[in-house]
Amino acid sequence: MKSATPKSETNRRGQELMGQAYQVIGAIASEAGLFEHPDVQRALDYFSENRYREDFLPFSLRLVNNVSGKLETFNKNTSGDS
């Protein structure tokens, strides 16, 4: 039986993923001339924190029960029962 990944290893991997996301966002934003844009800076701040925040995205993701089983986005600011 395969043993569970130690918590320290999981944390290290999470930090590496956050760091990679930070670098990718920064590089793409820089190439596009948008590095100083407030939304880019917000994303960079988020990925530098190494902490998950439920409210980071301006929309929510939820798995819908459809034929393809794909994730669909739902805007938090829309009215209705989504």
C-alpha atoms as a PDB file:
ATOM      1  CA  MET A   1       0.000   0.000   0.000  1.00  0.00           C
ATOM      2  CA  LYS A   2       1.256   3.481  -0.894  1.00  0.00           C
ATOM      3  CA  SER A   3       1.919   5.741   2.081  1.00  0.00           C
ATOM      4  CA  ALA A   4       0.345   9.177   2.385  1.00  0.00           C
ATOM      5  CA  THR A   5       2.396  12.206   1.380  1.00  0.00           C
ATOM      6  CA  PRO A   6       3.743  13.924   4.497  1.00  0.00           C
ATOM      7  CA  LYS A   7       2.215  17.315   5.247  1.00  0.00           C
ATOM      8  CA  SER A   8       5.593  19.045   4.863  1.00  0.00           C
ATOM      9  CA  GLU A   9       5.966  17.580   1.361  1.00  0.00           C
ATOM     10  CA  THR A  10       2.446  18.704   0.431  1.00  0.00           C
ATOM     11  CA  ASN A  11       3.190  22.217   1.715  1.00  0.00           C
ATOM     12  CA  ARG A  12       6.464  22.336  -0.220  1.00  0.00           C
ATOM     13  CA  ARG A  13       4.718  21.312  -3.431  1.00  0.00           C
ATOM     14  CA  GLY A  14       2.001  23.898  -2.861  1.00  0.00           C
ATOM     15  CA  GLN A  15       4.595  26.622  -2.368  1.00  0.00           C
ATOM     16  CA  GLU A  16       6.389  25.537  -5.541  1.00  0.00           C
ATOM     17  CA  LEU A  17       3.126  25.702  -7.514  1.00  0.00           C
ATOM     18  CA  MET A  18       2.321  29.154  -6.132  1.00  0.00           C
ATOM     19  CA  GLY A  19       5.845  30.291  -7.030  1.00  0.00           C
ATOM     20  CA  GLN A  20       5.536  28.942 -10.556  1.00  0.00           C
ATOM     21  CA  ALA A  21       2.172  30.659 -11.023  1.00  0.00           C
ATOM     22  CA  TYR A  22       3.702  33.912  -9.757  1.00  0.00           C
ATOM     23  CA  GLN A  23       6.546  33.666 -12.291  1.00  0.00           C
ATOM     24  CA  VAL A  24       4.236  32.804 -15.203  1.00  0.00           C
ATOM     25  CA  ILE A  25       1.830  35.652 -14.430  1.00  0.00           C
ATOM     26  CA  GLY A  26       4.688  38.118 -14.038  1.00  0.00           C
ATOM     27  CA  ALA A  27       6.386  37.054 -17.278  1.00  0.00           C
ATOM     28  CA  ILE A  28       3.201  37.165 -19.363  1.00  0.00           C
ATOM     29  CA  ALA A  29       2.110  40.484 -17.875  1.00  0.00           C
ATOM     30  CA  SER A  30       5.544  41.977 -18.495  1.00  0.00           C
ATOM     31  CA  GLU A  31       5.585  40.843 -22.135  1.00  0.00           C
ATOM     32  CA  ALA A  32       2.107  42.315 -22.603  1.00  0.00           C
ATOM     33  CA  GLY A  33       3.128  45.620 -21.014  1.00  0.00           C
ATOM     34  CA  LEU A  34       0.621  45.104 -18.204  1.00  0.00           C
ATOM     35  CA  PHE A  35       2.932  44.391 -15.276  1.00  0.00           C
ATOM     36  CA  GLU A  36       1.844  47.506 -13.372  1.00  0.00           C
ATOM     37  CA  HIS A  37      -1.895  46.911 -13.937  1.00  0.00           C
ATOM     38  CA  PRO A  38      -3.769  46.695 -10.606  1.00  0.00           C
ATOM     39  CA  ASP A  39      -5.300  43.299 -11.450  1.00  0.00           C
ATOM     40  CA  VAL A  40      -1.867  41.875 -12.286  1.00  0.00           C
ATOM     41  CA  GLN A  41      -0.446  43.254  -9.053  1.00  0.00           C
ATOM     42  CA  ARG A  42      -3.393  41.741  -7.147  1.00  0.00           C
ATOM     43  CA  ALA A  43      -2.678  38.337  -8.691  1.00  0.00           C
ATOM     44  CA  LEU A  44       1.036  38.607  -7.927  1.00  0.00           C
ATOM     45  CA  ASP A  45       0.276  39.591  -4.344  1.00  0.00           C
ATOM     46  CA  TYR A  46      -2.031  36.596  -4.003  1.00  0.00           C
ATOM     47  CA  PHE A  47       0.477  34.097  -5.369  1.00  0.00           C
ATOM     48  CA  SER A  48       3.268  35.518  -3.213  1.00  0.00           C
ATOM     49  CA  GLU A  49       1.236  34.825  -0.037  1.00  0.00           C
ATOM     50  CA  ASN A  50       1.336  31.010  -0.414  1.00  0.00           C
ATOM     51  CA  ARG A  51      -2.166  30.858   1.043  1.00  0.00           C
ATOM     52  CA  TYR A  52      -5.466  29.795  -0.554  1.00  0.00           C
ATOM     53  CA  ARG A  53      -8.317  32.322  -0.437  1.00  0.00           C
ATOM     54  CA  GLU A  54     -11.827  31.261  -1.441  1.00  0.00           C
ATOM     55  CA  ASP A  55     -12.704  34.795  -2.592  1.00  0.00           C
ATOM     56  CA  PHE A  56      -9.684  35.397  -4.855  1.00  0.00           C
ATOM     57  CA  LEU A  57     -11.467  34.876  -8.184  1.00  0.00           C
ATOM     58  CA  PRO A  58     -14.017  37.481  -9.302  1.00  0.00           C
ATOM     59  CA  PHE A  59     -16.338  34.569 -10.159  1.00  0.00           C
ATOM     60  CA  SER A  60     -17.018  31.175  -8.670  1.00  0.00           C
ATOM     61  CA  LEU A  61     -16.289  27.790 -10.163  1.00  0.00           C
ATOM     62  CA  ARG A  62     -18.662  24.950  -9.578  1.00  0.00           C
ATOM     63  CA  LEU A  63     -18.952  21.537 -11.137  1.00  0.00           C
ATOM     64  CA  VAL A  64     -22.186  21.297 -13.050  1.00  0.00           C
ATOM     65  CA  ASN A  65     -24.039  18.113 -13.755  1.00  0.00           C
ATOM     66  CA  ASN A  66     -23.880  18.115 -17.525  1.00  0.00           C
ATOM     67  CA  VAL A  67     -22.955  15.581 -20.158  1.00  0.00           C
ATOM     68  CA  SER A  68     -19.311  16.679 -20.425  1.00  0.00           C
ATOM     69  CA  GLY A  69     -18.810  17.193 -16.678  1.00  0.00           C
ATOM     70  CA  LYS A  70     -16.749  20.328 -17.315  1.00  0.00           C
ATOM     71  CA  LEU A  71     -16.351  23.168 -14.868  1.00  0.00           C
ATOM     72  CA  GLU A  72     -18.422  26.178 -15.722  1.00  0.00           C
ATOM     73  CA  THR A  73     -18.042  29.659 -14.308  1.00  0.00           C
ATOM     74  CA  PHE A  74     -20.751  31.606 -12.605  1.00  0.00           C
ATOM     75  CA  ASN A  75     -20.412  35.306 -11.906  1.00  0.00           C
ATOM     76  CA  LYS A  76     -20.873  36.091  -8.212  1.00  0.00           C
ATOM     77  CA  ASN A  77     -22.493  39.414  -9.055  1.00  0.00           C
ATOM     78  CA  THR A  78     -25.342  38.106 -11.186  1.00  0.00           C
ATOM     79  CA  SER A  79     -28.853  37.724  -9.907  1.00  0.00           C
ATOM     80  CA  GLY A  80     -30.734  34.491 -10.164  1.00  0.00           C
ATOM     81  CA  ASP A  81     -30.192  31.100  -8.651  1.00  0.00           C
ATOM     82  CA  SER A  82     -26.746  30.238 -10.040  1.00  0.00           C
END
